[in-house]
All heavy atoms as atom14 arrays in JSON, in Angstrom:
{
  "sequence": "NGVFHVKLQLANGSSDDLRKAIMREHKANKKEAIARNPKRTS",
  "atom14_mask": [
    [1, 1, 1, 1, 1, 1, 1, 1, 0, 0, 0, 0, 0, 0],
    [1, 1, 1, 1, 0, 0, 0, 0, 0, 0, 0, 0, 0, 0],
    [1, 1, 1, 1, 1, 1, 1, 0, 0, 0, 0, 0, 0, 0],
    [1, 1, 1, 1, 1, 1, 1, 1, 1, 1, 1, 0, 0, 0],
    [1, 1, 1, 1, 1, 1, 1, 1, 1, 1, 0, 0, 0, 0],
    [1, 1, 1, 1, 1, 1, 1, 0, 0, 0, 0, 0, 0, 0],
    [1, 1, 1, 1, 1, 1, 1, 1, 1, 0, 0, 0, 0, 0],
    [1, 1, 1, 1, 1, 1, 1, 1, 0, 0, 0, 0, 0, 0],
    [1, 1, 1, 1, 1, 1, 1, 1, 1, 0, 0, 0, 0, 0],
    [1, 1, 1, 1, 1, 1, 1, 1, 0, 0, 0, 0, 0, 0],
    [1, 1, 1, 1, 1, 0, 0, 0, 0, 0, 0, 0, 0, 0],
    [1, 1, 1, 1, 1, 1, 1, 1, 0, 0, 0, 0, 0, 0],
    [1, 1, 1, 1, 0, 0, 0, 0, 0, 0, 0, 0, 0, 0],
    [1, 1, 1, 1, 1, 1, 0, 0, 0, 0, 0, 0, 0, 0],
    [1, 1, 1, 1, 1, 1, 0, 0, 0, 0, 0, 0, 0, 0],
    [1, 1, 1, 1, 1, 1, 1, 1, 0, 0, 0, 0, 0, 0],
    [1, 1, 1, 1, 1, 1, 1, 1, 0, 0, 0, 0, 0, 0],
    [1, 1, 1, 1, 1, 1, 1, 1, 0, 0, 0, 0, 0, 0],
    [1, 1, 1, 1, 1, 1, 1, 1, 1, 1, 1, 0, 0, 0],
    [1, 1, 1, 1, 1, 1, 1, 1, 1, 0, 0, 0, 0, 0],
    [1, 1, 1, 1, 1, 0, 0, 0, 0, 0, 0, 0, 0, 0],
    [1, 1, 1, 1, 1, 1, 1, 1, 0, 0, 0, 0, 0, 0],
    [1, 1, 1, 1, 1, 1, 1, 1, 0, 0, 0, 0, 0, 0],
    [1, 1, 1, 1, 1, 1, 1, 1, 1, 1, 1, 0, 0, 0],
    [1, 1, 1, 1, 1, 1, 1, 1, 1, 0, 0, 0, 0, 0],
    [1, 1, 1, 1, 1, 1, 1, 1, 1, 1, 0, 0, 0, 0],
    [1, 1, 1, 1, 1, 1, 1, 1, 1, 0, 0, 0, 0, 0],
    [1, 1, 1, 1, 1, 0, 0, 0, 0, 0, 0, 0, 0, 0],
    [1, 1, 1, 1, 1, 1, 1, 1, 0, 0, 0, 0, 0, 0],
    [1, 1, 1, 1, 1, 1, 1, 1, 1, 0, 0, 0, 0, 0],
    [1, 1, 1, 1, 1, 1, 1, 1, 1, 0, 0, 0, 0, 0],
    [1, 1, 1, 1, 1, 1, 1, 1, 1, 0, 0, 0, 0, 0],
    [1, 1, 1, 1, 1, 0, 0, 0, 0, 0, 0, 0, 0, 0],
    [1, 1, 1, 1, 1, 1, 1, 1, 0, 0, 0, 0, 0, 0],
    [1, 1, 1, 1, 1, 0, 0, 0, 0, 0, 0, 0, 0, 0],
    [1, 1, 1, 1, 1, 1, 1, 1, 1, 1, 1, 0, 0, 0],
    [1, 1, 1, 1, 1, 1, 1, 1, 0, 0, 0, 0, 0, 0],
    [1, 1, 1, 1, 1, 1, 1, 0, 0, 0, 0, 0, 0, 0],
    [1, 1, 1, 1, 1, 1, 1, 1, 1, 0, 0, 0, 0, 0],
    [1, 1, 1, 1, 1, 1, 1, 1, 1, 1, 1, 0, 0, 0],
    [1, 1, 1, 1, 1, 1, 1, 0, 0, 0, 0, 0, 0, 0],
    [1, 1, 1, 1, 1, 1, 0, 0, 0, 0, 0, 0, 0, 0]
  ],
  "atom14_positions": [
    [[-193.07, 11.48, -173.24], [-193.6, 10.08, -172.54], [-194.62, 9.46, -173.41], [-194.88, 8.29, -173.19], [-194.16, 10.49, -171.16], [-192.95, 10.79, -170.24], [-191.83, 10.35, -170.32], [-193.07, 11.77, -169.34], [0.0, 0.0, 0.0], [0.0, 0.0, 0.0], [0.0, 0.0, 0.0], [0.0, 0.0, 0.0], [0.0, 0.0, 0.0], [0.0, 0.0, 0.0]],
    [[-195.31, 10.28, -174.16], [-196.37, 9.66, -175.02], [-197.77, 9.82, -174.53], [-198.01, 9.76, -173.24], [0.0, 0.0, 0.0], [0.0, 0.0, 0.0], [0.0, 0.0, 0.0], [0.0, 0.0, 0.0], [0.0, 0.0, 0.0], [0.0, 0.0, 0.0], [0.0, 0.0, 0.0], [0.0, 0.0, 0.0], [0.0, 0.0, 0.0], [0.0, 0.0, 0.0]],
    [[-198.7, 10.13, -175.47], [-200.12, 10.1, -175.15], [-200.91, 9.42, -176.14], [-200.83, 9.53, -177.38], [-200.69, 11.65, -175.16], [-202.17, 11.68, -174.87], [-199.81, 12.48, -174.13], [0.0, 0.0, 0.0], [0.0, 0.0, 0.0], [0.0, 0.0, 0.0], [0.0, 0.0, 0.0], [0.0, 0.0, 0.0], [0.0, 0.0, 0.0], [0.0, 0.0, 0.0]],
    [[-201.85, 8.47, -175.67], [-202.83, 7.84, -176.54], [-203.96, 8.77, -176.66], [-204.44, 9.4, -175.71], [-203.18, 6.56, -175.98], [-202.08, 5.44, -175.71], [-201.41, 5.23, -174.53], [-201.73, 4.7, -176.82], [-200.41, 4.42, -174.41], [-200.69, 3.84, -176.71], [-200.02, 3.64, -175.53], [0.0, 0.0, 0.0], [0.0, 0.0, 0.0], [0.0, 0.0, 0.0]],
    [[-204.46, 8.84, -177.86], [-205.79, 9.75, -177.99], [-206.49, 9.4, -179.28], [-205.92, 8.69, -180.18], [-205.21, 11.19, -178.04], [-204.36, 11.63, -179.11], [-204.72, 11.79, -180.52], [-202.95, 11.79, -179.26], [-203.79, 12.12, -181.25], [-202.61, 12.09, -180.46], [0.0, 0.0, 0.0], [0.0, 0.0, 0.0], [0.0, 0.0, 0.0], [0.0, 0.0, 0.0]],
    [[-207.69, 9.86, -179.31], [-208.64, 9.65, -180.33], [-209.72, 10.66, -180.38], [-210.08, 11.07, -179.26], [-209.23, 8.2, -180.41], [-210.03, 7.95, -179.26], [-210.04, 8.08, -181.72], [0.0, 0.0, 0.0], [0.0, 0.0, 0.0], [0.0, 0.0, 0.0], [0.0, 0.0, 0.0], [0.0, 0.0, 0.0], [0.0, 0.0, 0.0], [0.0, 0.0, 0.0]],
    [[-210.22, 11.1, -181.49], [-211.42, 12.0, -181.55], [-212.56, 11.23, -182.05], [-212.47, 10.35, -182.93], [-211.12, 13.2, -182.4], [-210.06, 14.11, -181.74], [-209.76, 15.39, -182.74], [-208.76, 16.21, -182.02], [-208.5, 17.49, -182.86], [0.0, 0.0, 0.0], [0.0, 0.0, 0.0], [0.0, 0.0, 0.0], [0.0, 0.0, 0.0], [0.0, 0.0, 0.0]],
    [[-213.81, 11.42, -181.53], [-214.94, 10.86, -181.96], [-216.08, 11.7, -182.46], [-216.4, 12.67, -181.62], [-215.52, 9.93, -180.92], [-216.66, 8.92, -181.26], [-216.31, 7.86, -182.12], [-217.41, 8.56, -180.03], [0.0, 0.0, 0.0], [0.0, 0.0, 0.0], [0.0, 0.0, 0.0], [0.0, 0.0, 0.0], [0.0, 0.0, 0.0], [0.0, 0.0, 0.0]],
    [[-216.4, 11.56, -183.72], [-217.56, 12.43, -184.18], [-218.93, 11.91, -184.11], [-219.09, 10.68, -184.48], [-217.16, 12.9, -185.62], [-215.94, 13.66, -185.83], [-215.62, 14.13, -187.17], [-216.25, 13.69, -188.15], [-214.59, 14.9, -187.35], [0.0, 0.0, 0.0], [0.0, 0.0, 0.0], [0.0, 0.0, 0.0], [0.0, 0.0, 0.0], [0.0, 0.0, 0.0]],
    [[-219.84, 12.61, -183.4], [-221.22, 12.06, -183.29], [-222.19, 13.07, -183.92], [-221.89, 14.24, -183.74], [-221.41, 11.86, -181.83], [-220.74, 10.8, -180.97], [-221.12, 10.86, -179.45], [-220.94, 9.35, -181.55], [0.0, 0.0, 0.0], [0.0, 0.0, 0.0], [0.0, 0.0, 0.0], [0.0, 0.0, 0.0], [0.0, 0.0, 0.0], [0.0, 0.0, 0.0]],
    [[-223.25, 12.47, -184.45], [-224.31, 13.26, -185.06], [-225.03, 14.08, -183.83], [-224.91, 13.56, -182.78], [-225.3, 12.54, -185.92], [0.0, 0.0, 0.0], [0.0, 0.0, 0.0], [0.0, 0.0, 0.0], [0.0, 0.0, 0.0], [0.0, 0.0, 0.0], [0.0, 0.0, 0.0], [0.0, 0.0, 0.0], [0.0, 0.0, 0.0], [0.0, 0.0, 0.0]],
    [[-225.82, 15.06, -184.18], [-226.34, 15.88, -183.3], [-227.2, 15.01, -182.23], [-227.04, 15.09, -181.03], [-227.27, 16.89, -183.9], [-226.59, 18.11, -184.39], [-225.63, 18.62, -183.64], [-226.8, 18.56, -185.54], [0.0, 0.0, 0.0], [0.0, 0.0, 0.0], [0.0, 0.0, 0.0], [0.0, 0.0, 0.0], [0.0, 0.0, 0.0], [0.0, 0.0, 0.0]],
    [[-228.16, 14.21, -182.81], [-228.99, 13.4, -181.81], [-228.31, 12.43, -181.0], [-228.59, 12.26, -179.8], [0.0, 0.0, 0.0], [0.0, 0.0, 0.0], [0.0, 0.0, 0.0], [0.0, 0.0, 0.0], [0.0, 0.0, 0.0], [0.0, 0.0, 0.0], [0.0, 0.0, 0.0], [0.0, 0.0, 0.0], [0.0, 0.0, 0.0], [0.0, 0.0, 0.0]],
    [[-227.27, 11.8, -181.51], [-226.58, 10.7, -180.7], [-225.65, 11.44, -179.76], [-225.05, 10.64, -178.78], [-225.9, 9.76, -181.59], [-224.92, 10.43, -182.46], [0.0, 0.0, 0.0], [0.0, 0.0, 0.0], [0.0, 0.0, 0.0], [0.0, 0.0, 0.0], [0.0, 0.0, 0.0], [0.0, 0.0, 0.0], [0.0, 0.0, 0.0], [0.0, 0.0, 0.0]],
    [[-225.23, 12.6, -179.89], [-224.29, 13.2, -178.92], [-224.96, 13.82, -177.76], [-224.33, 14.34, -176.8], [-223.43, 14.41, -179.73], [-224.27, 15.35, -179.92], [0.0, 0.0, 0.0], [0.0, 0.0, 0.0], [0.0, 0.0, 0.0], [0.0, 0.0, 0.0], [0.0, 0.0, 0.0], [0.0, 0.0, 0.0], [0.0, 0.0, 0.0], [0.0, 0.0, 0.0]],
    [[-226.34, 14.04, -177.77], [-227.07, 14.79, -176.72], [-226.69, 14.36, -175.28], [-226.31, 15.08, -174.33], [-228.49, 14.75, -177.06], [-228.81, 15.62, -178.19], [-227.93, 16.32, -178.74], [-230.1, 15.51, -178.69], [0.0, 0.0, 0.0], [0.0, 0.0, 0.0], [0.0, 0.0, 0.0], [0.0, 0.0, 0.0], [0.0, 0.0, 0.0], [0.0, 0.0, 0.0]],
    [[-226.94, 13.01, -175.04], [-226.71, 12.4, -173.64], [-225.35, 12.6, -173.16], [-225.07, 12.97, -172.05], [-227.19, 10.98, -173.7], [-228.62, 10.72, -173.77], [-229.4, 11.74, -173.61], [-229.13, 9.69, -174.08], [0.0, 0.0, 0.0], [0.0, 0.0, 0.0], [0.0, 0.0, 0.0], [0.0, 0.0, 0.0], [0.0, 0.0, 0.0], [0.0, 0.0, 0.0]],
    [[-224.35, 12.38, -174.05], [-222.89, 12.46, -173.73], [-222.58, 13.93, -173.33], [-221.93, 14.23, -172.28], [-222.03, 11.95, -174.74], [-220.59, 12.04, -174.59], [-220.28, 11.2, -173.33], [-219.82, 11.32, -175.9], [0.0, 0.0, 0.0], [0.0, 0.0, 0.0], [0.0, 0.0, 0.0], [0.0, 0.0, 0.0], [0.0, 0.0, 0.0], [0.0, 0.0, 0.0]],
    [[-222.92, 14.92, -174.17], [-222.77, 16.24, -173.85], [-223.43, 16.7, -172.49], [-222.8, 17.46, -171.73], [-223.22, 17.21, -174.97], [-222.33, 17.19, -176.21], [-222.84, 18.14, -177.18], [-224.09, 17.97, -177.79], [-225.21, 18.7, -177.52], [-224.97, 19.85, -176.71], [-226.36, 18.54, -177.98], [0.0, 0.0, 0.0], [0.0, 0.0, 0.0], [0.0, 0.0, 0.0]],
    [[-224.61, 16.33, -172.26], [-225.33, 16.61, -171.03], [-224.57, 16.03, -169.86], [-224.54, 16.78, -168.84], [-226.74, 16.14, -171.11], [-227.65, 16.89, -172.14], [-229.02, 16.35, -172.18], [-229.89, 16.94, -173.3], [-231.25, 16.46, -173.33], [0.0, 0.0, 0.0], [0.0, 0.0, 0.0], [0.0, 0.0, 0.0], [0.0, 0.0, 0.0], [0.0, 0.0, 0.0]],
    [[-224.11, 14.81, -169.98], [-223.4, 14.18, -168.79], [-222.14, 14.98, -168.53], [-221.69, 15.21, -167.26], [-223.02, 12.71, -169.14], [0.0, 0.0, 0.0], [0.0, 0.0, 0.0], [0.0, 0.0, 0.0], [0.0, 0.0, 0.0], [0.0, 0.0, 0.0], [0.0, 0.0, 0.0], [0.0, 0.0, 0.0], [0.0, 0.0, 0.0], [0.0, 0.0, 0.0]],
    [[-221.32, 15.33, -169.57], [-220.12, 16.1, -169.38], [-220.49, 17.48, -168.74], [-219.74, 17.97, -167.86], [-219.46, 16.3, -170.67], [-218.96, 14.92, -171.23], [-218.26, 17.32, -170.55], [-218.38, 14.94, -172.65], [0.0, 0.0, 0.0], [0.0, 0.0, 0.0], [0.0, 0.0, 0.0], [0.0, 0.0, 0.0], [0.0, 0.0, 0.0], [0.0, 0.0, 0.0]],
    [[-221.62, 18.07, -169.21], [-221.87, 19.48, -168.65], [-222.25, 19.33, -167.21], [-221.95, 20.32, -166.41], [-223.12, 20.07, -169.5], [-222.55, 20.5, -170.88], [-221.09, 21.69, -170.87], [-221.72, 22.97, -169.8], [0.0, 0.0, 0.0], [0.0, 0.0, 0.0], [0.0, 0.0, 0.0], [0.0, 0.0, 0.0], [0.0, 0.0, 0.0], [0.0, 0.0, 0.0]],
    [[-222.94, 18.17, -166.76], [-223.32, 18.15, -165.39], [-222.03, 18.04, -164.56], [-221.87, 18.63, -163.48], [-224.11, 16.88, -165.22], [-225.56, 16.94, -165.68], [-226.42, 15.82, -165.12], [-226.04, 14.62, -165.64], [-226.58, 14.09, -166.75], [-227.49, 14.84, -167.37], [-226.23, 12.8, -167.07], [0.0, 0.0, 0.0], [0.0, 0.0, 0.0], [0.0, 0.0, 0.0]],
    [[-221.07, 17.24, -165.06], [-219.68, 17.09, -164.27], [-219.04, 18.49, -164.28], [-218.58, 18.95, -163.18], [-218.83, 16.18, -165.07], [-219.24, 14.66, -164.98], [-218.82, 13.97, -163.69], [-218.18, 14.66, -162.85], [-219.03, 12.82, -163.66], [0.0, 0.0, 0.0], [0.0, 0.0, 0.0], [0.0, 0.0, 0.0], [0.0, 0.0, 0.0], [0.0, 0.0, 0.0]],
    [[-219.08, 19.21, -165.15], [-218.43, 20.46, -165.38], [-219.06, 21.5, -164.42], [-218.41, 22.3, -163.69], [-218.5, 21.1, -166.72], [-217.91, 22.42, -166.95], [-216.52, 22.62, -166.81], [-218.32, 23.63, -167.32], [-216.19, 23.93, -166.94], [-217.28, 24.54, -167.3], [0.0, 0.0, 0.0], [0.0, 0.0, 0.0], [0.0, 0.0, 0.0], [0.0, 0.0, 0.0]],
    [[-220.46, 21.54, -164.36], [-221.15, 22.5, -163.51], [-220.94, 22.27, -162.11], [-220.76, 23.14, -161.29], [-222.71, 22.55, -163.89], [-222.96, 23.21, -165.25], [-224.43, 23.07, -165.65], [-224.77, 23.77, -166.95], [-226.17, 23.7, -167.28], [0.0, 0.0, 0.0], [0.0, 0.0, 0.0], [0.0, 0.0, 0.0], [0.0, 0.0, 0.0], [0.0, 0.0, 0.0]],
    [[-220.91, 21.04, -161.74], [-220.66, 20.57, -160.32], [-219.18, 20.96, -160.0], [-218.95, 21.49, -158.86], [-220.89, 19.11, -160.22], [0.0, 0.0, 0.0], [0.0, 0.0, 0.0], [0.0, 0.0, 0.0], [0.0, 0.0, 0.0], [0.0, 0.0, 0.0], [0.0, 0.0, 0.0], [0.0, 0.0, 0.0], [0.0, 0.0, 0.0], [0.0, 0.0, 0.0]],
    [[-218.29, 20.74, -160.87], [-216.94, 21.14, -160.58], [-216.64, 22.67, -160.42], [-215.98, 23.04, -159.53], [-216.05, 20.54, -161.7], [-214.51, 20.69, -161.52], [-214.1, 20.59, -160.31], [-213.81, 21.04, -162.57], [0.0, 0.0, 0.0], [0.0, 0.0, 0.0], [0.0, 0.0, 0.0], [0.0, 0.0, 0.0], [0.0, 0.0, 0.0], [0.0, 0.0, 0.0]],
    [[-217.39, 23.33, -161.29], [-217.37, 24.73, -161.2], [-217.97, 25.28, -159.8], [-217.34, 26.21, -159.21], [-218.02, 25.46, -162.38], [-217.82, 26.96, -162.45], [-218.52, 27.47, -163.73], [-218.37, 29.08, -163.77], [-218.99, 29.58, -164.96], [0.0, 0.0, 0.0], [0.0, 0.0, 0.0], [0.0, 0.0, 0.0], [0.0, 0.0, 0.0], [0.0, 0.0, 0.0]],
    [[-219.02, 24.79, -159.57], [-219.65, 25.16, -158.26], [-218.73, 24.96, -157.07], [-218.6, 25.89, -156.2], [-220.89, 24.45, -158.04], [-221.74, 24.78, -156.78], [-223.16, 23.98, -156.77], [-223.96, 24.33, -155.55], [-225.07, 23.63, -155.56], [0.0, 0.0, 0.0], [0.0, 0.0, 0.0], [0.0, 0.0, 0.0], [0.0, 0.0, 0.0], [0.0, 0.0, 0.0]],
    [[-218.08, 23.79, -157.11], [-217.09, 23.44, -155.94], [-215.92, 24.43, -156.0], [-215.46, 24.84, -154.98], [-216.67, 22.1, -156.03], [-215.71, 21.66, -154.92], [-215.35, 20.09, -155.01], [-215.89, 19.43, -155.75], [-214.54, 19.89, -154.38], [0.0, 0.0, 0.0], [0.0, 0.0, 0.0], [0.0, 0.0, 0.0], [0.0, 0.0, 0.0], [0.0, 0.0, 0.0]],
    [[-215.52, 24.8, -157.17], [-214.3, 25.7, -157.26], [-214.69, 27.05, -156.83], [-213.85, 27.69, -156.21], [-213.93, 25.73, -158.71], [0.0, 0.0, 0.0], [0.0, 0.0, 0.0], [0.0, 0.0, 0.0], [0.0, 0.0, 0.0], [0.0, 0.0, 0.0], [0.0, 0.0, 0.0], [0.0, 0.0, 0.0], [0.0, 0.0, 0.0], [0.0, 0.0, 0.0]],
    [[-215.85, 27.5, -157.07], [-216.27, 28.82, -156.65], [-216.55, 28.87, -155.2], [-215.99, 29.82, -154.5], [-217.62, 29.24, -157.42], [-217.46, 29.5, -158.84], [-218.2, 30.45, -156.69], [-218.67, 29.64, -159.6], [0.0, 0.0, 0.0], [0.0, 0.0, 0.0], [0.0, 0.0, 0.0], [0.0, 0.0, 0.0], [0.0, 0.0, 0.0], [0.0, 0.0, 0.0]],
    [[-216.92, 27.8, -154.56], [-217.15, 27.72, -153.04], [-215.68, 27.76, -152.42], [-215.57, 28.25, -151.3], [-217.8, 26.46, -152.76], [0.0, 0.0, 0.0], [0.0, 0.0, 0.0], [0.0, 0.0, 0.0], [0.0, 0.0, 0.0], [0.0, 0.0, 0.0], [0.0, 0.0, 0.0], [0.0, 0.0, 0.0], [0.0, 0.0, 0.0], [0.0, 0.0, 0.0]],
    [[-214.73, 27.04, -153.0], [-213.34, 27.13, -152.49], [-212.64, 28.37, -152.69], [-211.68, 28.82, -151.96], [-212.54, 25.93, -153.05], [-213.01, 24.53, -152.67], [-212.03, 23.53, -153.23], [-212.45, 22.17, -152.9], [-211.88, 21.06, -153.19], [-210.68, 21.18, -153.86], [-212.28, 19.88, -152.76], [0.0, 0.0, 0.0], [0.0, 0.0, 0.0], [0.0, 0.0, 0.0]],
    [[-213.12, 29.18, -153.71], [-212.42, 30.36, -154.02], [-213.41, 31.53, -154.27], [-213.62, 31.95, -155.49], [-211.57, 30.15, -155.36], [-210.5, 29.1, -155.29], [-209.41, 29.38, -154.93], [-210.97, 27.9, -155.6], [0.0, 0.0, 0.0], [0.0, 0.0, 0.0], [0.0, 0.0, 0.0], [0.0, 0.0, 0.0], [0.0, 0.0, 0.0], [0.0, 0.0, 0.0]],
    [[-214.05, 31.91, -153.3], [-215.06, 32.86, -153.37], [-214.75, 34.29, -153.89], [-215.5, 35.04, -154.5], [-215.68, 33.06, -151.96], [-214.48, 32.78, -151.03], [-213.84, 31.58, -151.84], [0.0, 0.0, 0.0], [0.0, 0.0, 0.0], [0.0, 0.0, 0.0], [0.0, 0.0, 0.0], [0.0, 0.0, 0.0], [0.0, 0.0, 0.0], [0.0, 0.0, 0.0]],
    [[-213.47, 34.64, -153.82], [-212.92, 35.97, -154.3], [-212.58, 35.91, -155.78], [-212.41, 36.96, -156.4], [-211.71, 36.34, -153.54], [-211.97, 36.65, -151.96], [-210.81, 37.16, -151.36], [-211.13, 37.38, -149.89], [-209.96, 37.94, -149.2], [0.0, 0.0, 0.0], [0.0, 0.0, 0.0], [0.0, 0.0, 0.0], [0.0, 0.0, 0.0], [0.0, 0.0, 0.0]],
    [[-212.53, 34.74, -156.39], [-212.13, 34.59, -157.77], [-213.46, 34.94, -158.66], [-214.52, 34.24, -158.5], [-211.69, 33.27, -158.11], [-211.19, 33.12, -159.54], [-210.33, 31.94, -159.69], [-208.96, 32.26, -158.97], [-207.97, 31.33, -158.9], [-208.18, 30.06, -159.5], [-206.86, 31.61, -158.33], [0.0, 0.0, 0.0], [0.0, 0.0, 0.0], [0.0, 0.0, 0.0]],
    [[-213.36, 35.76, -159.57], [-214.66, 36.26, -160.35], [-214.68, 35.55, -161.66], [-215.88, 35.58, -162.23], [-214.42, 37.74, -160.57], [-213.24, 38.1, -161.22], [-214.58, 38.54, -159.19], [0.0, 0.0, 0.0], [0.0, 0.0, 0.0], [0.0, 0.0, 0.0], [0.0, 0.0, 0.0], [0.0, 0.0, 0.0], [0.0, 0.0, 0.0], [0.0, 0.0, 0.0]],
    [[-213.67, 34.97, -162.13], [-213.72, 34.34, -163.44], [-212.67, 33.19, -163.59], [-211.76, 32.99, -162.89], [-213.4, 35.32, -164.65], [-212.11, 35.75, -164.55], [0.0, 0.0, 0.0], [0.0, 0.0, 0.0], [0.0, 0.0, 0.0], [0.0, 0.0, 0.0], [0.0, 0.0, 0.0], [0.0, 0.0, 0.0], [0.0, 0.0, 0.0], [0.0, 0.0, 0.0]]
  ]
}
């Protein structure tokens, strides 16, 4: 069906805010997943 995509390379300093924002989303998502599945260990 097709996928549009692109990769973007950023230098260390200019990538910091973007990486931190993504990690915040990921940690919140993981916390919710653990709460819904308390028996899952990994």
